[in-house]
Protein backbone atom coordinates (compact mmCIF):
# COMPACT_ATOMS: atom_id res chain seq x y z
CA MET A 1 60.61 88.61 103.84
CA ASP A 2 57.21 90.31 103.86
CA THR A 3 56.74 94.04 104.46
CA THR A 4 55.73 93.66 108.10
CA SER A 5 58.72 91.47 108.94
CA ARG A 6 61.09 93.81 107.12
CA SER A 7 59.74 96.83 108.99
CA ARG A 8 60.11 95.03 112.32
CA THR A 9 63.67 93.98 111.46
CA GLU A 10 64.60 97.52 110.41
CA THR A 11 63.29 98.83 113.73
CA LEU A 12 65.35 96.26 115.66
CA LYS A 13 68.43 97.14 113.60
CA ASN A 14 68.05 100.85 114.36
CA ASP A 15 67.65 100.06 118.05
CA ILE A 16 70.85 97.98 118.10
CA GLN A 17 72.75 100.73 116.27
CA ARG A 18 71.66 103.24 118.92
CA LYS A 19 72.84 100.88 121.66
CA ILE A 20 76.22 100.50 119.94
CA GLN A 21 76.63 104.29 119.83
CA THR A 22 75.88 104.40 123.56
CA VAL A 23 78.55 101.78 124.27
CA LEU A 24 81.11 103.73 122.22
CA ALA A 25 80.32 106.89 124.17
CA GLU A 26 80.52 105.07 127.51
CA PHE A 27 83.99 103.72 126.76
CA ALA A 28 85.16 107.11 125.49
CA ASP A 29 83.92 108.69 128.74
CA GLY A 30 85.69 106.08 130.86
CA THR A 31 82.48 104.47 132.12
CA LEU A 32 83.35 101.04 130.73
CA SER A 33 86.54 99.01 131.03
CA ARG A 34 88.06 97.44 127.92
CA GLU A 35 86.80 94.02 129.01
CA GLN A 36 83.28 95.33 129.46
CA PHE A 37 83.40 97.15 126.13
CA HIS A 38 84.60 94.12 124.17
CA ALA A 39 81.94 91.86 125.68
CA ILE A 40 79.02 94.28 125.21
CA TYR A 41 80.15 95.42 121.75
CA ALA A 42 80.48 91.80 120.56
CA HIS A 43 76.96 91.06 121.84
CA TYR A 44 75.37 93.95 119.96
CA SER A 45 77.52 93.51 116.86
CA ASN A 46 76.49 89.86 116.56
CA GLN A 47 72.83 90.89 116.77
CA LEU A 48 73.41 93.54 114.10
CA THR A 49 75.04 91.01 111.79
CA ILE A 50 72.06 88.65 112.12
CA LEU A 51 69.57 91.44 111.40
CA GLU A 52 71.52 92.70 108.37
CA ALA A 53 71.73 89.16 107.00
CA ALA A 54 67.96 88.82 107.33
CA LEU A 55 67.41 92.11 105.49
CA ASN A 56 69.71 90.98 102.68
CA LEU A 57 67.86 87.72 102.04
CA PRO A 58 66.70 87.51 98.41
CA VAL A 59 62.99 87.65 97.70
CA SER A 60 61.76 84.15 97.00
CA ASP A 61 59.91 83.38 93.79
CA ASP A 62 58.58 80.39 91.91
CA THR A 63 61.15 80.38 89.10
CA GLN A 64 63.48 77.42 88.98
CA PRO A 65 67.15 78.13 88.32
CA VAL A 66 68.97 76.33 85.54
CA GLY A 67 71.48 73.81 86.87
CA LYS A 68 71.92 72.47 90.37
CA PRO A 69 71.64 74.91 93.30
CA ASN A 70 74.73 73.38 94.92
CA GLU A 71 76.79 74.34 91.88
CA THR A 72 75.97 78.01 92.33
CA ILE A 73 76.70 77.83 96.06
CA ALA A 74 80.07 76.19 95.38
CA ILE A 75 81.00 78.88 92.84
CA ARG A 76 79.94 81.66 95.20
CA THR A 77 81.91 80.16 98.11
CA SER A 78 85.09 79.48 96.12
CA HIS A 79 85.27 83.09 94.95
CA MET A 80 84.18 84.74 98.20
CA GLY A 81 86.54 87.20 99.83
CA LYS A 82 88.06 85.76 103.01
CA ALA A 83 89.83 88.13 105.39
CA LEU A 84 93.13 86.78 106.72
CA GLY A 85 94.30 89.63 108.93
CA LEU A 86 94.53 93.37 109.37
CA VAL A 87 96.87 96.06 110.66
CA ILE A 88 96.00 99.43 112.20
CA TYR A 89 98.24 102.33 111.20
CA HIS A 90 98.30 105.56 113.23
CA HIS A 91 99.06 108.52 110.98
CA LYS A 92 100.26 111.05 113.55
CA SER A 93 102.92 108.73 115.00
CA GLY A 94 103.64 106.88 111.75
CA MET A 95 103.41 103.60 113.66
CA PHE A 96 101.40 100.38 113.39
CA VAL A 97 99.22 100.26 116.49
CA GLU A 98 98.14 96.63 116.25
CA THR A 99 98.13 93.54 114.05
CA LEU A 100 95.15 91.18 114.21
CA GLY A 101 94.93 87.79 112.51
CA GLN A 102 97.57 86.69 110.01
CA PHE A 103 99.04 89.58 108.05
CA ASP A 104 102.23 88.66 106.20
CA VAL A 105 102.53 91.66 103.85
CA PRO A 106 105.82 93.57 104.35
CA PRO A 107 105.53 97.18 105.58
CA SER A 108 107.44 98.35 102.49
CA ARG A 109 104.46 97.25 100.36
CA LEU A 110 102.07 99.36 102.44
CA ALA A 111 104.27 102.44 102.91
CA PRO A 112 103.55 104.29 99.62
CA THR A 113 99.77 104.22 100.10
CA LEU A 114 99.95 105.00 103.83
CA ASN A 115 102.30 107.92 103.16
CA ASP A 116 99.87 109.25 100.54
CA PHE A 117 97.01 108.97 103.02
CA SER A 118 99.01 110.75 105.76
CA LEU A 119 99.81 113.63 103.42
CA MET A 120 96.17 113.98 102.38
CA ILE A 121 95.07 113.96 106.04
CA GLU A 122 97.56 116.74 106.85
CA THR A 123 96.21 118.86 103.98
CA ASN A 124 92.56 118.08 104.84
CA LYS A 125 91.91 116.33 101.54
CA LEU A 126 89.20 113.73 101.16
CA ILE A 127 90.48 110.16 100.99
CA ASP A 128 88.65 107.24 99.46
CA ARG A 129 89.29 103.60 100.23
CA ARG A 130 91.64 101.67 97.99
CA VAL A 131 91.39 98.03 96.98
CA GLU A 132 94.52 96.60 95.38
CA LYS A 133 95.30 93.17 93.99
CA ILE A 134 98.77 92.09 95.14
CA GLY A 135 98.90 88.44 94.12
CA MET A 136 97.06 85.72 92.25
CA LYS A 137 94.28 85.66 94.85
CA GLN A 138 95.43 88.24 97.40
CA TRP A 139 93.89 91.68 97.82
CA LEU A 140 94.53 94.60 100.14
CA LEU A 141 91.83 96.94 101.40
CA PHE A 142 93.07 100.34 102.64
CA ALA A 143 90.29 102.01 104.65
CA PRO A 144 91.21 105.49 105.93
CA GLY A 145 89.76 107.27 108.94
CA ARG A 146 90.44 110.52 110.77
CA TYR A 147 93.35 109.21 112.83
CA THR A 148 94.13 105.77 111.46
CA THR A 149 94.01 103.57 108.39
CA ILE A 150 93.22 99.89 108.57
CA VAL A 151 94.74 97.59 105.97
CA THR A 152 93.04 94.23 105.57
CA LEU A 153 94.50 91.27 103.68
CA PHE A 154 91.93 89.20 101.77
CA HIS A 155 92.02 85.92 99.90
CA ASN A 156 89.87 86.78 96.86
CA GLU A 157 88.42 90.21 96.21
CA PRO A 158 86.30 91.61 99.09
CA SER A 159 82.65 92.32 98.37
CA PRO A 160 81.09 95.77 98.93
CA HIS A 161 79.26 94.32 101.93
CA GLN A 162 82.52 93.13 103.52
CA ILE A 163 84.12 96.51 102.89
CA ARG A 164 81.18 98.32 104.51
CA GLU A 165 81.35 96.04 107.55
CA LEU A 166 85.04 96.81 108.05
CA GLU A 167 84.44 100.53 107.60
CA ARG A 168 81.70 100.37 110.25
CA LEU A 169 84.06 98.67 112.71
CA HIS A 170 86.79 101.19 111.86
CA HIS A 171 84.44 104.11 112.49
CA ASP A 172 83.45 102.62 115.86
CA PHE A 173 87.14 102.07 116.72
CA GLU A 174 87.92 105.76 116.18
CA VAL A 175 84.83 107.00 118.01
CA ALA A 176 85.56 104.86 121.08
CA ASN A 177 89.26 105.78 121.13
CA THR A 178 89.26 109.41 120.00
CA SER A 179 91.06 110.76 123.07
CA HIS A 180 93.81 108.14 122.74
CA LEU A 181 94.25 108.47 118.96
CA ALA A 182 94.38 112.27 118.86
CA VAL A 183 97.80 112.33 120.54
CA SER A 184 101.22 111.78 118.98
CA ARG A 185 102.00 108.55 120.83
CA VAL A 186 99.46 105.78 121.23
CA ASP A 187 99.36 103.15 123.96
CA PRO A 188 97.73 100.08 122.33
CA SER A 189 96.93 98.61 125.76
CA LYS A 190 94.46 101.44 126.39
CA LEU A 191 92.52 101.03 123.17
CA ALA A 192 89.22 99.23 122.65
CA TYR A 193 89.10 97.02 119.56
CA PRO A 194 85.73 96.52 117.86
CA PHE A 195 87.76 94.52 115.31
CA LEU A 196 87.95 91.64 117.79
CA VAL A 197 84.43 90.74 116.68
CA PHE A 198 85.70 90.59 113.11
CA VAL A 199 88.75 88.53 114.06
CA GLN A 200 86.79 86.01 116.09
CA GLN A 201 84.08 85.46 113.49
CA LYS A 202 85.52 86.37 110.10
CA LEU A 203 89.21 85.54 109.96
CA LYS A 204 89.34 82.07 108.45
CA ARG A 205 91.86 80.51 106.13
CA PRO A 206 90.53 79.79 102.63
């Protein structure tokens, strides 16, 4: 991508990000219904994904790689992290708000980390994400927020890009639902789920 194209793409990306922030605020203010939010958010999120993919394209050159290109693609694909499902844990109530996709990890496996996160939130300590290998090719990503932690089950280790995408969706989830998440009891039917974009496009069996 040349400099002019990159600059144009960056401008479009920033514009879409501003529109997403507006949609989050409109749902939080009660201007949008859940159905409206999910449709509009999916539209903008899909555009953002396309723009980010364009910005991440490697710079082309005239060097010829050793071996067949298809071999590299096959290796990359076979070891790529594939999200299977996720759960949303609400710290104040100690309850799982929602399960999306296929998540077959027992709660007892998640409890120690979630309890640690809850304690750190209560004492205003900074929490960093955790990525744990739990099987031959299974990994868990614990991504904490202000009110909730999302736990995502992956086949193969997630890449930094995949982690950042989930953290972006998690941030948007908490911004849109702040008034509902700040209380002790949460009504899942009143929440907006930016993660639906992730579920519809990303959750695929390996």
